[in-house]
Amino acid sequence: VRFFVEASPTIGHGHVVRCAALAQEADRCGLHCAFVPANAYTGNLLGALNLPQAANLAALAVIDHHSPLEPAWVEAMQDGGSSVAMIDHQGPARTIADLVCDALIGSEVRNKLPHSNRTRYLYGLEYAMLRRQFRDAHATARPGRTDTPRLMVAMGGVDQHKVAPRLAKALCVCGFTGPATFVVEEQAVEELRDIVRQWSDTRILTGVKDMASLMVESDLLVSKVGG
């Protein structure tokens, strides 16, 4: 399986991390995976994460690409013998891909996207990349917990509109004072820390590797689609 991925300093490396989690799950199922970088930045990032790289595509190509792709680009891979899976990209190129994986997205998407007769849609937790992590983390859940419910805020990728600090300010107005867990980028830490300084049992985390364990210990998660 080849994962074709793109990342840059402006769009973050969430795409690569997400594909890495999918590849790890595939490896557990006996499928060998490698990554095809779309640019030099992605190549360096793959190297830093110690992910295997490949120069060519194989039977199944998984694309998580920030920029719109021309349909001809996907057709060329299909002509080369590859089945193409496109993740979270709604456009003409996606509609002709052999396989579309829309984990956690409802079946109503069928009514919104035109698609070819070769497209398969996959839905539900069975296809979510964190399925194994959640199963393992749930074993550590605390039954009968009586403490204050915990909020978790994780916008994923680049929070260019500063939704996390805006939400924190709104919660202050509403009288909420924790506990909470914020997963943000490094540059957002100082602003957010000033806002939640008086909150109880509140954490501001960066560079999180295991989102599943944080989600399991939280009672409400505020996020965005894809994050």
C-alpha atoms as a PDB file:
ATOM      1  CA  VAL A   1       0.000   0.000   0.000  1.00  0.00           C
ATOM      2  CA  ARG A   2       1.378   3.436  -0.918  1.00  0.00           C
ATOM      3  CA  PHE A   3       0.250   6.570   0.898  1.00  0.00           C
ATOM      4  CA  PHE A   4       0.634   9.711  -1.260  1.00  0.00           C
ATOM      5  CA  VAL A   5       0.793  12.644   1.175  1.00  0.00           C
ATOM      6  CA  GLU A   6       1.457  16.374   1.076  1.00  0.00           C
ATOM      7  CA  ALA A   7       2.365  18.716   3.910  1.00  0.00           C
ATOM      8  CA  SER A   8       3.824  22.205   4.246  1.00  0.00           C
ATOM      9  CA  PRO A   9       4.605  24.673   7.042  1.00  0.00           C
ATOM     10  CA  THR A  10       1.334  26.495   6.277  1.00  0.00           C
ATOM     11  CA  ILE A  11      -1.051  23.508   6.333  1.00  0.00           C
ATOM     12  CA  GLY A  12       0.660  21.555   9.091  1.00  0.00           C
ATOM     13  CA  HIS A  13       1.536  17.880   9.143  1.00  0.00           C
ATOM     14  CA  GLY A  14      -1.813  16.483  10.300  1.00  0.00           C
ATOM     15  CA  HIS A  15      -2.271  14.727   6.964  1.00  0.00           C
ATOM     16  CA  VAL A  16       0.972  12.807   7.416  1.00  0.00           C
ATOM     17  CA  VAL A  17       0.203  11.874  11.018  1.00  0.00           C
ATOM     18  CA  ARG A  18      -3.265  10.634  10.069  1.00  0.00           C
ATOM     19  CA  CYS A  19      -1.891   8.517   7.212  1.00  0.00           C
ATOM     20  CA  ALA A  20       0.808   7.204   9.547  1.00  0.00           C
ATOM     21  CA  ALA A  21      -1.883   5.951  11.944  1.00  0.00           C
ATOM     22  CA  LEU A  22      -3.718   4.267   9.073  1.00  0.00           C
ATOM     23  CA  ALA A  23      -0.477   2.656   7.901  1.00  0.00           C
ATOM     24  CA  GLN A  24       0.285   1.323  11.378  1.00  0.00           C
ATOM     25  CA  GLU A  25      -3.157  -0.261  11.560  1.00  0.00           C
ATOM     26  CA  ALA A  26      -2.665  -1.767   8.090  1.00  0.00           C
ATOM     27  CA  ASP A  27       0.718  -3.175   9.153  1.00  0.00           C
ATOM     28  CA  ARG A  28      -0.973  -4.931  12.073  1.00  0.00           C
ATOM     29  CA  CYS A  29      -3.278  -6.560   9.513  1.00  0.00           C
ATOM     30  CA  GLY A  30      -0.338  -7.792   7.426  1.00  0.00           C
ATOM     31  CA  LEU A  31      -0.326  -5.089   4.729  1.00  0.00           C
ATOM     32  CA  HIS A  32       3.062  -3.549   3.984  1.00  0.00           C
ATOM     33  CA  CYS A  33       2.852   0.242   3.677  1.00  0.00           C
ATOM     34  CA  ALA A  34       5.140   2.968   2.378  1.00  0.00           C
ATOM     35  CA  PHE A  35       4.803   6.689   1.705  1.00  0.00           C
ATOM     36  CA  VAL A  36       5.254   8.749  -1.460  1.00  0.00           C
ATOM     37  CA  PRO A  37       6.096  12.376  -0.544  1.00  0.00           C
ATOM     38  CA  ALA A  38       4.501  15.106  -2.678  1.00  0.00           C
ATOM     39  CA  ASN A  39       7.265  17.614  -1.940  1.00  0.00           C
ATOM     40  CA  ALA A  40      10.584  18.046  -0.144  1.00  0.00           C
ATOM     41  CA  TYR A  41       8.945  19.261   3.081  1.00  0.00           C
ATOM     42  CA  THR A  42       6.828  16.117   3.277  1.00  0.00           C
ATOM     43  CA  GLY A  43       9.879  13.976   2.527  1.00  0.00           C
ATOM     44  CA  ASN A  44      11.790  15.540   5.427  1.00  0.00           C
ATOM     45  CA  LEU A  45       8.786  15.076   7.706  1.00  0.00           C
ATOM     46  CA  LEU A  46       8.466  11.410   6.755  1.00  0.00           C
ATOM     47  CA  GLY A  47      12.144  10.982   7.531  1.00  0.00           C
ATOM     48  CA  ALA A  48      11.776  12.671  10.923  1.00  0.00           C
ATOM     49  CA  LEU A  49       8.904  10.313  11.760  1.00  0.00           C
ATOM     50  CA  ASN A  50      10.931   7.288  10.572  1.00  0.00           C
ATOM     51  CA  LEU A  51       8.235   6.315   8.061  1.00  0.00           C
ATOM     52  CA  PRO A  52       9.220   4.151   5.060  1.00  0.00           C
ATOM     53  CA  GLN A  53       9.249   5.971   1.728  1.00  0.00           C
ATOM     54  CA  ALA A  54       8.725   4.656  -1.788  1.00  0.00           C
ATOM     55  CA  ALA A  55       9.213   6.224  -5.203  1.00  0.00           C
ATOM     56  CA  ASN A  56       6.386   4.407  -6.978  1.00  0.00           C
ATOM     57  CA  LEU A  57       2.756   3.484  -6.493  1.00  0.00           C
ATOM     58  CA  ALA A  58       1.400  -0.002  -5.914  1.00  0.00           C
ATOM     59  CA  ALA A  59      -1.919  -1.867  -6.046  1.00  0.00           C
ATOM     60  CA  LEU A  60      -3.588   0.511  -3.583  1.00  0.00           C
ATOM     61  CA  ALA A  61      -2.750   4.220  -3.378  1.00  0.00           C
ATOM     62  CA  VAL A  62      -4.163   6.221  -0.454  1.00  0.00           C
ATOM     63  CA  ILE A  63      -4.222   9.980  -1.102  1.00  0.00           C
ATOM     64  CA  ASP A  64      -4.547  12.617   1.602  1.00  0.00           C
ATOM     65  CA  HIS A  65      -3.762  15.745  -0.398  1.00  0.00           C
ATOM     66  CA  HIS A  66      -4.402  19.370   0.594  1.00  0.00           C
ATOM     67  CA  SER A  67      -4.545  20.778  -2.945  1.00  0.00           C
ATOM     68  CA  PRO A  68      -7.251  19.854  -5.480  1.00  0.00           C
ATOM     69  CA  LEU A  69      -6.203  17.073  -7.826  1.00  0.00           C
ATOM     70  CA  GLU A  70      -7.008  16.895 -11.511  1.00  0.00           C
ATOM     71  CA  PRO A  71      -9.169  13.872 -12.444  1.00  0.00           C
ATOM     72  CA  ALA A  72      -6.556  12.960 -15.074  1.00  0.00           C
ATOM     73  CA  TRP A  73      -4.004  12.516 -12.273  1.00  0.00           C
ATOM     74  CA  VAL A  74      -6.132   9.832 -10.619  1.00  0.00           C
ATOM     75  CA  GLU A  75      -6.961   8.236 -13.973  1.00  0.00           C
ATOM     76  CA  ALA A  76      -3.242   7.966 -14.743  1.00  0.00           C
ATOM     77  CA  MET A  77      -2.679   6.003 -11.540  1.00  0.00           C
ATOM     78  CA  GLN A  78      -5.627   3.778 -12.356  1.00  0.00           C
ATOM     79  CA  ASP A  79      -4.180   3.156 -15.830  1.00  0.00           C
ATOM     80  CA  GLY A  80      -0.981   2.085 -14.082  1.00  0.00           C
ATOM     81  CA  GLY A  81      -2.880  -0.587 -12.179  1.00  0.00           C
ATOM     82  CA  SER A  82      -3.516   1.248  -8.906  1.00  0.00           C
ATOM     83  CA  SER A  83      -6.781   1.473  -7.043  1.00  0.00           C
ATOM     84  CA  VAL A  84      -7.075   4.927  -5.509  1.00  0.00           C
ATOM     85  CA  ALA A  85      -8.457   5.838  -2.081  1.00  0.00           C
ATOM     86  CA  MET A  86      -9.009   9.545  -1.437  1.00  0.00           C
ATOM     87  CA  ILE A  87      -9.543  10.797   2.103  1.00  0.00           C
ATOM     88  CA  ASP A  88     -11.499  13.928   3.057  1.00  0.00           C
ATOM     89  CA  HIS A  89     -11.285  15.602  -0.322  1.00  0.00           C
ATOM     90  CA  GLN A  90     -14.557  16.327  -2.096  1.00  0.00           C
ATOM     91  CA  GLY A  91     -13.865  17.137  -5.725  1.00  0.00           C
ATOM     92  CA  PRO A  92     -13.981  15.781  -9.281  1.00  0.00           C
ATOM     93  CA  ALA A  93     -10.866  13.649  -8.809  1.00  0.00           C
ATOM     94  CA  ARG A  94     -12.405  11.913  -5.808  1.00  0.00           C
ATOM     95  CA  THR A  95     -15.567  10.988  -7.662  1.00  0.00           C
ATOM     96  CA  ILE A  96     -13.653   8.771 -10.090  1.00  0.00           C
ATOM     97  CA  ALA A  97     -11.485   7.055  -7.472  1.00  0.00           C
ATOM     98  CA  ASP A  98     -12.063   3.328  -7.005  1.00  0.00           C
ATOM     99  CA  LEU A  99     -12.352   3.584  -3.230  1.00  0.00           C
ATOM    100  CA  VAL A 100     -13.448   6.398  -0.934  1.00  0.00           C
ATOM    101  CA  CYS A 101     -13.026   6.044   2.838  1.00  0.00           C
ATOM    102  CA  ASP A 102     -15.286   8.395   4.790  1.00  0.00           C
ATOM    103  CA  ALA A 103     -14.856   7.187   8.358  1.00  0.00           C
ATOM    104  CA  LEU A 104     -17.387   8.645  10.791  1.00  0.00           C
ATOM    105  CA  ILE A 105     -19.374  10.405   8.050  1.00  0.00           C
ATOM    106  CA  GLY A 106     -23.042   9.536   7.639  1.00  0.00           C
ATOM    107  CA  SER A 107     -24.572   7.864   4.613  1.00  0.00           C
ATOM    108  CA  GLU A 108     -26.303  11.116   3.573  1.00  0.00           C
ATOM    109  CA  VAL A 109     -23.056  12.028   1.779  1.00  0.00           C
ATOM    110  CA  ARG A 110     -24.231   9.714  -1.000  1.00  0.00           C
ATOM    111  CA  ASN A 111     -26.858  12.299  -1.891  1.00  0.00           C
ATOM    112  CA  LYS A 112     -24.324  15.133  -2.064  1.00  0.00           C
ATOM    113  CA  LEU A 113     -21.515  13.697  -4.181  1.00  0.00           C
ATOM    114  CA  PRO A 114     -21.767  12.460  -7.748  1.00  0.00           C
ATOM    115  CA  HIS A 115     -19.677   9.337  -8.114  1.00  0.00           C
ATOM    116  CA  SER A 116     -18.728   6.699 -10.616  1.00  0.00           C
ATOM    117  CA  ASN A 117     -20.010   3.154 -10.527  1.00  0.00           C
ATOM    118  CA  ARG A 118     -16.549   2.082  -9.334  1.00  0.00           C
ATOM    119  CA  THR A 119     -16.731   4.075  -6.095  1.00  0.00           C
ATOM    120  CA  ARG A 120     -17.250   2.354  -2.766  1.00  0.00           C
ATOM    121  CA  TYR A 121     -18.090   4.296   0.383  1.00  0.00           C
ATOM    122  CA  LEU A 122     -16.999   2.988   3.770  1.00  0.00           C
ATOM    123  CA  TYR A 123     -18.641   4.297   6.937  1.00  0.00           C
ATOM    124  CA  GLY A 124     -18.572   3.884  10.668  1.00  0.00           C
ATOM    125  CA  LEU A 125     -16.218   3.129  13.516  1.00  0.00           C
ATOM    126  CA  GLU A 126     -15.059  -0.093  11.884  1.00  0.00           C
ATOM    127  CA  TYR A 127     -13.030   1.998   9.448  1.00  0.00           C
ATOM    128  CA  ALA A 128     -11.833   4.705  11.853  1.00  0.00           C
ATOM    129  CA  MET A 129      -8.079   4.744  12.281  1.00  0.00           C
ATOM    130  CA  LEU A 130      -8.316   5.076  16.086  1.00  0.00           C
ATOM    131  CA  ARG A 131     -10.500   1.992  16.468  1.00  0.00           C
ATOM    132  CA  ARG A 132      -7.722  -0.137  18.023  1.00  0.00           C
ATOM    133  CA  GLN A 133      -6.519   2.725  20.223  1.00  0.00           C
ATOM    134  CA  PHE A 134     -10.013   3.317  21.570  1.00  0.00           C
ATOM    135  CA  ARG A 135     -10.483  -0.368  22.278  1.00  0.00           C
ATOM    136  CA  ASP A 136      -7.241  -0.453  24.284  1.00  0.00           C
ATOM    137  CA  ALA A 137      -7.891   2.856  26.049  1.00  0.00           C
ATOM    138  CA  HIS A 138     -11.425   1.942  27.088  1.00  0.00           C
ATOM    139  CA  ALA A 139      -9.979  -0.825  29.227  1.00  0.00           C
ATOM    140  CA  THR A 140      -8.522   1.891  31.492  1.00  0.00           C
ATOM    141  CA  ALA A 141     -11.740   3.908  31.841  1.00  0.00           C
ATOM    142  CA  ARG A 142     -12.833   4.675  35.399  1.00  0.00           C
ATOM    143  CA  PRO A 143     -16.338   3.258  36.051  1.00  0.00           C
ATOM    144  CA  GLY A 144     -18.624   5.126  38.419  1.00  0.00           C
ATOM    145  CA  ARG A 145     -16.612   8.346  38.260  1.00  0.00           C
ATOM    146  CA  THR A 146     -18.100  11.101  40.433  1.00  0.00           C
ATOM    147  CA  ASP A 147     -15.763  14.046  39.778  1.00  0.00           C
ATOM    148  CA  THR A 148     -16.568  17.048  37.574  1.00  0.00           C
ATOM    149  CA  PRO A 149     -17.018  16.201  33.857  1.00  0.00           C
ATOM    150  CA  ARG A 150     -13.987  17.070  31.728  1.00  0.00           C
ATOM    151  CA  LEU A 151     -14.032  19.092  28.512  1.00  0.00           C
ATOM    152  CA  MET A 152     -11.566  18.483  25.692  1.00  0.00           C
ATOM    153  CA  VAL A 153     -10.878  20.953  22.864  1.00  0.00           C
ATOM    154  CA  ALA A 154      -8.795  19.802  19.883  1.00  0.00           C
ATOM    155  CA  MET A 155      -9.105  21.668  16.589  1.00  0.00           C
ATOM    156  CA  GLY A 156      -6.421  19.621  14.827  1.00  0.00           C
ATOM    157  CA  GLY A 157      -3.974  20.866  12.210  1.00  0.00           C
ATOM    158  CA  VAL A 158      -3.664  24.645  12.000  1.00  0.00           C
ATOM    159  CA  ASP A 159      -6.231  26.623  13.990  1.00  0.00           C
ATOM    160  CA  GLN A 160      -5.860  29.680  11.755  1.00  0.00           C
ATOM    161  CA  HIS A 161      -9.077  31.289  12.992  1.00  0.00           C
ATOM    162  CA  LYS A 162      -8.075  30.832  16.660  1.00  0.00           C
ATOM    163  CA  VAL A 163     -11.216  28.893  17.475  1.00  0.00           C
ATOM    164  CA  ALA A 164      -9.715  27.330  20.628  1.00  0.00           C
ATOM    165  CA  PRO A 165      -8.968  30.641  22.432  1.00  0.00           C
ATOM    166  CA  ARG A 166     -12.271  32.137  21.218  1.00  0.00           C
ATOM    167  CA  LEU A 167     -14.120  29.157  22.662  1.00  0.00           C
ATOM    168  CA  ALA A 168     -12.223  29.496  25.941  1.00  0.00           C
ATOM    169  CA  LYS A 169     -13.212  33.176  26.187  1.00  0.00           C
ATOM    170  CA  ALA A 170     -16.863  32.296  25.527  1.00  0.00           C
ATOM    171  CA  LEU A 171     -16.756  29.617  28.216  1.00  0.00           C
ATOM    172  CA  CYS A 172     -15.371  32.170  30.692  1.00  0.00           C
ATOM    173  CA  VAL A 173     -18.350  34.413  29.982  1.00  0.00           C
ATOM    174  CA  CYS A 174     -20.639  31.441  30.637  1.00  0.00           C
ATOM    175  CA  GLY A 175     -18.969  30.799  33.986  1.00  0.00           C
ATOM    176  CA  PHE A 176     -17.112  27.596  33.039  1.00  0.00           C
ATOM    177  CA  THR A 177     -13.827  27.219  34.936  1.00  0.00           C
ATOM    178  CA  GLY A 178     -12.648  23.700  34.126  1.00  0.00           C
ATOM    179  CA  PRO A 179     -11.582  21.015  34.215  1.00  0.00           C
ATOM    180  CA  ALA A 180     -10.492  20.969  30.567  1.00  0.00           C
ATOM    181  CA  THR A 181      -7.839  19.683  28.192  1.00  0.00           C
ATOM    182  CA  PHE A 182      -6.733  21.792  25.199  1.00  0.00           C
ATOM    183  CA  VAL A 183      -4.660  20.298  22.385  1.00  0.00           C
ATOM    184  CA  VAL A 184      -3.165  23.192  20.400  1.00  0.00           C
ATOM    185  CA  GLU A 185      -0.126  24.287  18.429  1.00  0.00           C
ATOM    186  CA  GLU A 186       2.885  25.698  20.243  1.00  0.00           C
ATOM    187  CA  GLN A 187       2.216  29.299  19.148  1.00  0.00           C
ATOM    188  CA  ALA A 188      -1.256  29.270  20.729  1.00  0.00           C
ATOM    189  CA  VAL A 189      -0.135  28.210  24.204  1.00  0.00           C
ATOM    190  CA  GLU A 190       0.619  31.625  25.720  1.00  0.00           C
ATOM    191  CA  GLU A 191      -2.641  33.271  24.614  1.00  0.00           C
ATOM    192  CA  LEU A 192      -4.676  30.308  25.809  1.00  0.00           C
ATOM    193  CA  ARG A 193      -2.806  30.095  29.124  1.00  0.00           C
ATOM    194  CA  ASP A 194      -3.715  33.707  29.902  1.00  0.00           C
ATOM    195  CA  ILE A 195      -7.401  32.983  29.281  1.00  0.00           C
ATOM    196  CA  VAL A 196      -7.655  29.826  31.408  1.00  0.00           C
ATOM    197  CA  ARG A 197      -5.252  30.882  34.158  1.00  0.00           C
ATOM    198  CA  GLN A 198      -7.995  30.701  36.822  1.00  0.00           C
ATOM    199  CA  TRP A 199      -9.465  27.405  35.617  1.00  0.00           C
ATOM    200  CA  SER A 200      -9.148  24.300  37.766  1.00  0.00           C
ATOM    201  CA  ASP A 201      -7.348  21.127  36.635  1.00  0.00           C
ATOM    202  CA  THR A 202      -6.824  22.426  33.098  1.00  0.00           C
ATOM    203  CA  ARG A 203      -4.069  21.248  30.762  1.00  0.00           C
ATOM    204  CA  ILE A 204      -2.723  22.808  27.560  1.00  0.00           C
ATOM    205  CA  LEU A 205      -0.937  20.161  25.498  1.00  0.00           C
ATOM    206  CA  THR A 206       1.086  20.239  22.271  1.00  0.00           C
ATOM    207  CA  GLY A 207       2.595  17.502  20.131  1.00  0.00           C
ATOM    208  CA  VAL A 208       0.123  14.867  21.334  1.00  0.00           C
ATOM    209  CA  LYS A 209       0.834  11.375  19.966  1.00  0.00           C
ATOM    210  CA  ASP A 210      -2.153   9.468  21.382  1.00  0.00           C
ATOM    211  CA  MET A 211      -5.444  11.350  21.044  1.00  0.00           C
ATOM    212  CA  ALA A 212      -7.502   8.276  21.916  1.00  0.00           C
ATOM    213  CA  SER A 213      -6.448   8.157  25.570  1.00  0.00           C
ATOM    214  CA  LEU A 214      -7.255  11.865  26.001  1.00  0.00           C
ATOM    215  CA  MET A 215     -10.661  11.447  24.354  1.00  0.00           C
ATOM    216  CA  VAL A 216     -11.586   8.497  26.540  1.00  0.00           C
ATOM    217  CA  GLU A 217     -10.979  10.413  29.761  1.00  0.00           C
ATOM    218  CA  SER A 218     -13.056  13.369  28.524  1.00  0.00           C
ATOM    219  CA  ASP A 219     -16.846  13.722  28.658  1.00  0.00           C
ATOM    220  CA  LEU A 220     -17.241  16.241  25.836  1.00  0.00           C
ATOM    221  CA  LEU A 221     -14.968  16.762  22.837  1.00  0.00           C
ATOM    222  CA  VAL A 222     -15.102  19.951  20.773  1.00  0.00           C
ATOM    223  CA  SER A 223     -13.288  19.461  17.476  1.00  0.00           C
ATOM    224  CA  LYS A 224     -13.735  19.905  13.735  1.00  0.00           C
ATOM    225  CA  VAL A 225     -14.371  17.470  10.908  1.00  0.00           C
ATOM    226  CA  GLY A 226     -11.087  15.797  10.007  1.00  0.00           C
ATOM    227  CA  GLY A 227      -9.455  16.729  13.306  1.00  0.00           C
END
